Amino acid sequence: MFDIAFSELIIIAVVALIVVGPERLPKAARTMGHLFGRLQRYVNDVKTDINREMELEELRKLQQQVQSAAREIETSVSSAARDFESGVRGVETQLADTAAEAPAPASSLPPLAEPPPQGAAASGADALPAAGAEAPRQSRLPGFDPL
């Protein structure tokens, strides 16, 4: 802290011995040591407080940056959601307009074939193959033998 050489300390000690006297010099030196220790603790406490305040200020700046980034992300996500919703609504209105303009044809599907009556005998193509006729073959699967 102070740049004091050993020779300067000797001069200060001799002057203190002459001014204070040999009886009170040890008590005065002890008091000066206590005061110097208190001064050092006070200086260290002030340094610590200043460092803590600087760190808190940096944390506040970082917090503000994170909050602003979060707000930017929130606004971009909400605008993307609004754009998506408006696109979906546009498609819904187009579908509704198209459905309202073009009436569906009466029968766009071919008519279903009516099943034969249950008691009726099967005719030509629908009949089962004769007893001697071979049943249609199914393709074999690898690893499976036919029964």
N, C-alpha and C. Protein backbone atom coordinates (compact mmCIF):
# COMPACT_ATOMS: atom_id res chain seq x y z
N MET A 1 0.83 -1.18 0.00
CA MET A 1 0.00 0.00 0.00
C MET A 1 0.88 1.25 0.00
N PHE A 2 1.67 1.43 1.05
CA PHE A 2 2.60 2.55 1.09
C PHE A 2 3.99 2.02 0.78
N ASP A 3 4.76 2.83 0.09
CA ASP A 3 6.11 2.40 -0.25
C ASP A 3 7.08 3.00 0.79
N ILE A 4 7.27 2.27 1.91
CA ILE A 4 8.14 2.74 2.99
C ILE A 4 9.30 1.76 3.12
N ALA A 5 10.50 2.26 3.10
CA ALA A 5 11.69 1.41 3.22
C ALA A 5 11.98 1.13 4.69
N PHE A 6 12.87 0.16 4.94
CA PHE A 6 13.21 -0.23 6.30
C PHE A 6 13.88 0.92 7.05
N SER A 7 14.72 1.69 6.37
CA SER A 7 15.40 2.82 7.02
C SER A 7 14.40 3.88 7.46
N GLU A 8 13.35 4.08 6.68
CA GLU A 8 12.31 5.05 7.05
C GLU A 8 11.53 4.55 8.26
N LEU A 9 11.31 3.26 8.36
CA LEU A 9 10.63 2.71 9.54
C LEU A 9 11.49 2.91 10.80
N ILE A 10 12.78 2.76 10.69
CA ILE A 10 13.67 2.97 11.83
C ILE A 10 13.61 4.42 12.29
N ILE A 11 13.59 5.35 11.36
CA ILE A 11 13.51 6.77 11.71
C ILE A 11 12.19 7.06 12.41
N ILE A 12 11.08 6.50 11.88
CA ILE A 12 9.76 6.71 12.50
C ILE A 12 9.75 6.11 13.90
N ALA A 13 10.35 4.95 14.14
CA ALA A 13 10.38 4.31 15.47
C ALA A 13 11.20 5.14 16.45
N VAL A 14 12.32 5.72 16.04
CA VAL A 14 13.16 6.54 16.92
C VAL A 14 12.41 7.80 17.31
N VAL A 15 11.73 8.45 16.34
CA VAL A 15 10.97 9.67 16.64
C VAL A 15 9.83 9.34 17.59
N ALA A 16 9.14 8.19 17.37
CA ALA A 16 8.04 7.80 18.25
C ALA A 16 8.56 7.52 19.66
N LEU A 17 9.73 6.93 19.81
CA LEU A 17 10.31 6.64 21.12
C LEU A 17 10.63 7.92 21.85
N ILE A 18 11.11 8.93 21.13
CA ILE A 18 11.44 10.20 21.77
C ILE A 18 10.17 10.95 22.14
N VAL A 19 9.16 10.98 21.26
CA VAL A 19 7.93 11.76 21.49
C VAL A 19 7.05 11.08 22.53
N VAL A 20 6.80 9.78 22.40
CA VAL A 20 5.85 9.08 23.27
C VAL A 20 6.54 8.68 24.58
N GLY A 21 7.72 8.27 24.52
CA GLY A 21 8.43 7.85 25.71
C GLY A 21 8.50 6.34 25.78
N PRO A 22 9.51 5.83 26.52
CA PRO A 22 9.70 4.39 26.56
C PRO A 22 8.60 3.65 27.33
N GLU A 23 7.90 4.28 28.29
CA GLU A 23 6.86 3.59 29.06
C GLU A 23 5.58 3.37 28.23
N ARG A 24 5.20 4.38 27.47
CA ARG A 24 3.93 4.29 26.74
C ARG A 24 4.11 3.79 25.31
N LEU A 25 5.29 3.58 24.83
CA LEU A 25 5.52 3.16 23.44
C LEU A 25 4.92 1.79 23.13
N PRO A 26 5.07 0.75 23.98
CA PRO A 26 4.45 -0.54 23.65
C PRO A 26 2.93 -0.45 23.56
N LYS A 27 2.29 0.31 24.50
CA LYS A 27 0.83 0.47 24.46
C LYS A 27 0.43 1.24 23.21
N ALA A 28 1.17 2.26 22.83
CA ALA A 28 0.86 3.04 21.63
C ALA A 28 1.04 2.19 20.37
N ALA A 29 2.08 1.35 20.35
CA ALA A 29 2.30 0.48 19.19
C ALA A 29 1.16 -0.54 19.05
N ARG A 30 0.72 -1.09 20.20
CA ARG A 30 -0.38 -2.04 20.17
C ARG A 30 -1.66 -1.36 19.66
N THR A 31 -1.94 -0.16 20.14
CA THR A 31 -3.13 0.59 19.70
C THR A 31 -3.04 0.89 18.21
N MET A 32 -1.85 1.29 17.77
CA MET A 32 -1.68 1.58 16.34
C MET A 32 -1.88 0.30 15.50
N GLY A 33 -1.44 -0.85 15.99
CA GLY A 33 -1.64 -2.12 15.29
C GLY A 33 -3.11 -2.47 15.16
N HIS A 34 -3.86 -2.26 16.29
CA HIS A 34 -5.32 -2.52 16.25
C HIS A 34 -6.01 -1.59 15.26
N LEU A 35 -5.64 -0.32 15.29
CA LEU A 35 -6.26 0.64 14.37
C LEU A 35 -5.92 0.31 12.91
N PHE A 36 -4.67 -0.07 12.70
CA PHE A 36 -4.26 -0.43 11.34
C PHE A 36 -5.03 -1.68 10.86
N GLY A 37 -5.25 -2.67 11.74
CA GLY A 37 -6.03 -3.87 11.40
C GLY A 37 -7.46 -3.52 11.06
N ARG A 38 -8.06 -2.62 11.87
CA ARG A 38 -9.43 -2.18 11.60
C ARG A 38 -9.52 -1.47 10.25
N LEU A 39 -8.50 -0.64 9.98
CA LEU A 39 -8.47 0.07 8.71
C LEU A 39 -8.39 -0.92 7.54
N GLN A 40 -7.57 -1.94 7.67
CA GLN A 40 -7.46 -2.94 6.61
C GLN A 40 -8.78 -3.70 6.43
N ARG A 41 -9.44 -4.08 7.53
CA ARG A 41 -10.73 -4.78 7.42
C ARG A 41 -11.78 -3.88 6.76
N TYR A 42 -11.78 -2.59 7.13
CA TYR A 42 -12.73 -1.66 6.54
C TYR A 42 -12.50 -1.53 5.04
N VAL A 43 -11.24 -1.40 4.63
CA VAL A 43 -10.91 -1.28 3.21
C VAL A 43 -11.32 -2.55 2.47
N ASN A 44 -11.06 -3.72 3.07
CA ASN A 44 -11.45 -4.98 2.43
C ASN A 44 -12.97 -5.10 2.32
N ASP A 45 -13.70 -4.66 3.36
CA ASP A 45 -15.17 -4.68 3.30
C ASP A 45 -15.69 -3.78 2.19
N VAL A 46 -15.09 -2.59 2.05
CA VAL A 46 -15.52 -1.67 1.00
C VAL A 46 -15.24 -2.27 -0.37
N LYS A 47 -14.07 -2.87 -0.55
CA LYS A 47 -13.74 -3.52 -1.82
C LYS A 47 -14.73 -4.63 -2.13
N THR A 48 -15.05 -5.44 -1.11
CA THR A 48 -15.99 -6.55 -1.30
C THR A 48 -17.37 -6.01 -1.70
N ASP A 49 -17.83 -4.95 -1.03
CA ASP A 49 -19.13 -4.35 -1.36
C ASP A 49 -19.14 -3.80 -2.79
N ILE A 50 -18.06 -3.17 -3.18
CA ILE A 50 -17.99 -2.62 -4.54
C ILE A 50 -18.02 -3.75 -5.56
N ASN A 51 -17.26 -4.80 -5.32
CA ASN A 51 -17.27 -5.94 -6.24
C ASN A 51 -18.65 -6.59 -6.32
N ARG A 52 -19.31 -6.71 -5.17
CA ARG A 52 -20.64 -7.31 -5.14
C ARG A 52 -21.64 -6.45 -5.93
N GLU A 53 -21.55 -5.13 -5.78
CA GLU A 53 -22.42 -4.24 -6.53
C GLU A 53 -22.16 -4.33 -8.03
N MET A 54 -20.89 -4.45 -8.40
CA MET A 54 -20.57 -4.59 -9.82
C MET A 54 -21.13 -5.89 -10.38
N GLU A 55 -21.01 -6.97 -9.61
CA GLU A 55 -21.57 -8.26 -10.06
C GLU A 55 -23.08 -8.19 -10.16
N LEU A 56 -23.73 -7.53 -9.18
CA LEU A 56 -25.18 -7.38 -9.24
C LEU A 56 -25.61 -6.58 -10.46
N GLU A 57 -24.86 -5.54 -10.77
CA GLU A 57 -25.18 -4.74 -11.95
C GLU A 57 -25.04 -5.57 -13.23
N GLU A 58 -24.00 -6.39 -13.30
CA GLU A 58 -23.83 -7.27 -14.46
C GLU A 58 -24.97 -8.27 -14.56
N LEU A 59 -25.39 -8.81 -13.39
CA LEU A 59 -26.51 -9.76 -13.40
C LEU A 59 -27.80 -9.08 -13.83
N ARG A 60 -28.00 -7.84 -13.40
CA ARG A 60 -29.20 -7.11 -13.83
C ARG A 60 -29.20 -6.90 -15.34
N LYS A 61 -28.04 -6.55 -15.89
CA LYS A 61 -27.95 -6.37 -17.34
C LYS A 61 -28.22 -7.68 -18.07
N LEU A 62 -27.66 -8.76 -17.54
CA LEU A 62 -27.90 -10.07 -18.14
C LEU A 62 -29.38 -10.45 -18.05
N GLN A 63 -30.00 -10.16 -16.91
CA GLN A 63 -31.43 -10.45 -16.75
C GLN A 63 -32.26 -9.66 -17.76
N GLN A 64 -31.92 -8.39 -17.97
CA GLN A 64 -32.65 -7.58 -18.94
C GLN A 64 -32.47 -8.12 -20.35
N GLN A 65 -31.26 -8.58 -20.68
CA GLN A 65 -31.03 -9.14 -22.00
C GLN A 65 -31.84 -10.41 -22.20
N VAL A 66 -31.88 -11.26 -21.17
CA VAL A 66 -32.65 -12.51 -21.28
C VAL A 66 -34.14 -12.20 -21.40
N GLN A 67 -34.62 -11.24 -20.62
CA GLN A 67 -36.04 -10.88 -20.71
C GLN A 67 -36.39 -10.30 -22.08
N SER A 68 -35.52 -9.47 -22.62
CA SER A 68 -35.81 -8.91 -23.95
C SER A 68 -35.78 -10.01 -25.01
N ALA A 69 -34.84 -10.95 -24.89
CA ALA A 69 -34.82 -12.07 -25.84
C ALA A 69 -36.07 -12.92 -25.71
N ALA A 70 -36.54 -13.13 -24.48
CA ALA A 70 -37.77 -13.91 -24.27
C ALA A 70 -38.96 -13.19 -24.87
N ARG A 71 -39.02 -11.87 -24.72
CA ARG A 71 -40.12 -11.10 -25.31
C ARG A 71 -40.09 -11.19 -26.84
N GLU A 72 -38.90 -11.11 -27.42
CA GLU A 72 -38.79 -11.22 -28.88
C GLU A 72 -39.25 -12.59 -29.37
N ILE A 73 -38.86 -13.63 -28.67
CA ILE A 73 -39.29 -14.98 -29.04
C ILE A 73 -40.80 -15.10 -28.89
N GLU A 74 -41.33 -14.56 -27.81
CA GLU A 74 -42.78 -14.64 -27.60
C GLU A 74 -43.54 -13.92 -28.71
N THR A 75 -43.07 -12.75 -29.10
CA THR A 75 -43.77 -12.02 -30.16
C THR A 75 -43.65 -12.75 -31.49
N SER A 76 -42.49 -13.34 -31.77
CA SER A 76 -42.34 -14.05 -33.05
C SER A 76 -43.22 -15.30 -33.08
N VAL A 77 -43.30 -16.00 -31.95
CA VAL A 77 -44.14 -17.20 -31.90
C VAL A 77 -45.62 -16.82 -32.02
N SER A 78 -46.02 -15.76 -31.33
CA SER A 78 -47.43 -15.36 -31.40
C SER A 78 -47.78 -14.88 -32.81
N SER A 79 -46.87 -14.16 -33.48
CA SER A 79 -47.17 -13.71 -34.85
C SER A 79 -47.22 -14.91 -35.79
N ALA A 80 -46.35 -15.90 -35.60
CA ALA A 80 -46.41 -17.11 -36.43
C ALA A 80 -47.72 -17.86 -36.19
N ALA A 81 -48.17 -17.91 -34.94
CA ALA A 81 -49.43 -18.58 -34.63
C ALA A 81 -50.60 -17.83 -35.28
N ARG A 82 -50.57 -16.49 -35.22
CA ARG A 82 -51.64 -15.72 -35.87
C ARG A 82 -51.64 -15.95 -37.37
N ASP A 83 -50.46 -15.98 -37.99
CA ASP A 83 -50.39 -16.24 -39.43
C ASP A 83 -50.94 -17.62 -39.77
N PHE A 84 -50.59 -18.60 -38.97
CA PHE A 84 -51.09 -19.95 -39.18
C PHE A 84 -52.60 -20.02 -39.04
N GLU A 85 -53.13 -19.38 -38.00
CA GLU A 85 -54.59 -19.37 -37.80
C GLU A 85 -55.30 -18.68 -38.95
N SER A 86 -54.74 -17.57 -39.43
CA SER A 86 -55.39 -16.88 -40.54
C SER A 86 -55.33 -17.73 -41.80
N GLY A 87 -54.25 -18.46 -42.00
CA GLY A 87 -54.17 -19.36 -43.15
C GLY A 87 -55.19 -20.48 -43.06
N VAL A 88 -55.36 -21.05 -41.87
CA VAL A 88 -56.35 -22.11 -41.68
C VAL A 88 -57.75 -21.57 -41.91
N ARG A 89 -58.03 -20.38 -41.41
CA ARG A 89 -59.36 -19.78 -41.63
C ARG A 89 -59.60 -19.52 -43.12
N GLY A 90 -58.55 -19.08 -43.83
CA GLY A 90 -58.69 -18.85 -45.27
C GLY A 90 -59.01 -20.14 -46.01
N VAL A 91 -58.33 -21.24 -45.64
CA VAL A 91 -58.61 -22.52 -46.28
C VAL A 91 -60.02 -22.98 -45.94
N GLU A 92 -60.44 -22.78 -44.68
CA GLU A 92 -61.81 -23.16 -44.30
C GLU A 92 -62.84 -22.39 -45.11
N THR A 93 -62.63 -21.10 -45.28
CA THR A 93 -63.60 -20.31 -46.05
C THR A 93 -63.60 -20.73 -47.51
N GLN A 94 -62.43 -21.03 -48.07
CA GLN A 94 -62.38 -21.50 -49.46
C GLN A 94 -63.12 -22.82 -49.61
N LEU A 95 -62.93 -23.72 -48.66
CA LEU A 95 -63.65 -25.00 -48.72
C LEU A 95 -65.15 -24.79 -48.59
N ALA A 96 -65.54 -23.92 -47.70
CA ALA A 96 -66.97 -23.65 -47.52
C ALA A 96 -67.55 -23.01 -48.78
N ASP A 97 -66.83 -22.08 -49.39
CA ASP A 97 -67.31 -21.44 -50.62
C ASP A 97 -67.41 -22.46 -51.75
N THR A 98 -66.41 -23.33 -51.87
CA THR A 98 -66.42 -24.33 -52.92
C THR A 98 -67.57 -25.30 -52.72
N ALA A 99 -67.83 -25.70 -51.49
CA ALA A 99 -68.92 -26.63 -51.21
C ALA A 99 -70.27 -25.98 -51.47
N ALA A 100 -70.39 -24.68 -51.22
CA ALA A 100 -71.66 -23.99 -51.43
C ALA A 100 -71.91 -23.75 -52.92
N GLU A 101 -70.86 -23.51 -53.71
CA GLU A 101 -71.03 -23.21 -55.13
C GLU A 101 -71.34 -24.45 -55.96
N ALA A 102 -70.65 -25.54 -55.72
CA ALA A 102 -70.82 -26.73 -56.55
C ALA A 102 -71.66 -27.76 -55.81
N PRO A 103 -72.94 -27.96 -56.26
CA PRO A 103 -73.75 -28.98 -55.60
C PRO A 103 -73.21 -30.37 -55.96
N ALA A 104 -73.30 -31.27 -55.05
CA ALA A 104 -72.80 -32.63 -55.26
C ALA A 104 -73.70 -33.34 -56.26
N PRO A 105 -73.14 -34.15 -57.19
CA PRO A 105 -73.98 -34.89 -58.14
C PRO A 105 -74.83 -35.91 -57.37
N ALA A 106 -75.97 -36.22 -57.98
CA ALA A 106 -76.94 -37.11 -57.32
C ALA A 106 -76.31 -38.45 -57.00
N SER A 107 -75.62 -39.02 -57.96
CA SER A 107 -75.00 -40.31 -57.70
C SER A 107 -73.70 -40.38 -58.46
N SER A 108 -72.62 -40.08 -57.78
CA SER A 108 -71.33 -40.15 -58.44
C SER A 108 -70.73 -41.54 -58.32
N LEU A 109 -71.28 -42.37 -57.46
CA LEU A 109 -70.79 -43.74 -57.29
C LEU A 109 -71.64 -44.70 -58.11
N PRO A 110 -71.04 -45.79 -58.62
CA PRO A 110 -71.85 -46.77 -59.36
C PRO A 110 -72.80 -47.47 -58.40
N PRO A 111 -73.93 -47.91 -58.93
CA PRO A 111 -74.90 -48.58 -58.05
C PRO A 111 -74.30 -49.89 -57.51
N LEU A 112 -74.67 -50.20 -56.29
CA LEU A 112 -74.19 -51.43 -55.67
C LEU A 112 -74.94 -52.62 -56.24
N ALA A 113 -74.21 -53.72 -56.41
CA ALA A 113 -74.85 -54.95 -56.89
C ALA A 113 -75.65 -55.55 -55.75
N GLU A 114 -76.85 -56.00 -56.09
CA GLU A 114 -77.69 -56.58 -55.04
C GLU A 114 -77.23 -58.01 -54.80
N PRO A 115 -77.18 -58.43 -53.55
CA PRO A 115 -76.79 -59.81 -53.26
C PRO A 115 -77.89 -60.76 -53.69
N PRO A 116 -77.51 -61.97 -54.07
CA PRO A 116 -78.54 -62.94 -54.48
C PRO A 116 -79.37 -63.35 -53.27
N PRO A 117 -80.58 -63.74 -53.51
CA PRO A 117 -81.43 -64.19 -52.39
C PRO A 117 -80.79 -65.40 -51.72
N GLN A 118 -81.03 -65.57 -50.44
CA GLN A 118 -80.36 -66.61 -49.68
C GLN A 118 -80.80 -68.02 -50.10
N GLY A 119 -81.98 -68.19 -50.43
CA GLY A 119 -82.47 -69.52 -50.78
C GLY A 119 -82.16 -69.88 -52.22
N ALA A 120 -81.76 -68.97 -53.01
CA ALA A 120 -81.54 -69.24 -54.43
C ALA A 120 -80.25 -70.02 -54.63
N ALA A 121 -80.24 -70.83 -55.68
CA ALA A 121 -79.05 -71.63 -56.00
C ALA A 121 -78.06 -70.74 -56.71
N ALA A 122 -76.81 -71.01 -56.50
CA ALA A 122 -75.78 -70.23 -57.14
C ALA A 122 -75.73 -70.56 -58.61
N SER A 123 -75.53 -69.55 -59.42
CA SER A 123 -75.50 -69.78 -60.86
C SER A 123 -74.08 -69.73 -61.37
N GLY A 124 -73.83 -70.13 -62.55
CA GLY A 124 -72.60 -70.26 -63.31
C GLY A 124 -71.34 -69.69 -62.66
N ALA A 125 -71.10 -68.40 -62.77
CA ALA A 125 -69.83 -67.82 -62.33
C ALA A 125 -69.73 -67.80 -60.82
N ASP A 126 -70.89 -67.70 -60.15
CA ASP A 126 -70.85 -67.64 -58.69
C ASP A 126 -70.78 -69.01 -58.06
N ALA A 127 -70.97 -70.06 -58.85
CA ALA A 127 -71.01 -71.41 -58.29
C ALA A 127 -69.63 -71.83 -57.83
N LEU A 128 -69.59 -72.71 -56.86
CA LEU A 128 -68.34 -73.26 -56.37
C LEU A 128 -67.78 -74.21 -57.40
N PRO A 129 -66.50 -74.41 -57.44
CA PRO A 129 -65.94 -75.35 -58.42
C PRO A 129 -66.41 -76.76 -58.14
N ALA A 130 -66.45 -77.53 -59.16
CA ALA A 130 -66.92 -78.92 -59.03
C ALA A 130 -65.96 -79.70 -58.15
N ALA A 131 -66.42 -80.86 -57.71
CA ALA A 131 -65.63 -81.65 -56.77
C ALA A 131 -64.29 -82.04 -57.37
N GLY A 132 -64.23 -82.31 -58.61
CA GLY A 132 -62.98 -82.72 -59.22
C GLY A 132 -62.11 -81.54 -59.64
N ALA A 133 -62.69 -80.36 -59.66
CA ALA A 133 -61.94 -79.20 -60.11
C ALA A 133 -60.96 -78.76 -59.02
N GLU A 134 -59.91 -78.20 -59.45
CA GLU A 134 -58.87 -77.77 -58.52
C GLU A 134 -59.23 -76.38 -57.97
N ALA A 135 -59.03 -76.19 -56.66
CA ALA A 135 -59.31 -74.89 -56.03
C ALA A 135 -58.24 -73.90 -56.47
N PRO A 136 -58.58 -72.64 -56.54
CA PRO A 136 -57.58 -71.65 -56.94
C PRO A 136 -56.40 -71.67 -55.95
N ARG A 137 -55.18 -71.55 -56.49
CA ARG A 137 -53.98 -71.62 -55.66
C ARG A 137 -53.67 -70.25 -55.05
N GLN A 138 -53.22 -70.34 -53.85
CA GLN A 138 -52.75 -69.12 -53.19
C GLN A 138 -51.23 -69.11 -53.26
N SER A 139 -50.68 -67.95 -53.28
CA SER A 139 -49.22 -67.89 -53.35
C SER A 139 -48.64 -68.34 -52.02
N ARG A 140 -47.49 -68.98 -52.09
CA ARG A 140 -46.86 -69.49 -50.88
C ARG A 140 -46.01 -68.41 -50.23
N LEU A 141 -45.97 -68.48 -48.93
CA LEU A 141 -45.10 -67.59 -48.18
C LEU A 141 -43.85 -68.38 -47.82
N PRO A 142 -42.70 -67.79 -47.85
CA PRO A 142 -41.48 -68.51 -47.53
C PRO A 142 -41.51 -68.99 -46.09
N GLY A 143 -41.17 -70.23 -45.88
CA GLY A 143 -41.13 -70.79 -44.53
C GLY A 143 -42.42 -71.41 -44.08
N PHE A 144 -43.48 -71.32 -44.90
CA PHE A 144 -44.78 -71.90 -44.55
C PHE A 144 -45.12 -72.96 -45.57
N ASP A 145 -45.44 -74.13 -45.10
CA ASP A 145 -45.85 -75.21 -45.99
C ASP A 145 -47.37 -75.25 -46.02
N PRO A 146 -47.95 -75.54 -47.17
CA PRO A 146 -49.41 -75.61 -47.24
C PRO A 146 -49.91 -76.83 -46.47
N LEU A 147 -51.08 -76.72 -45.98
CA LEU A 147 -51.67 -77.81 -45.20
C LEU A 147 -52.22 -78.89 -46.07
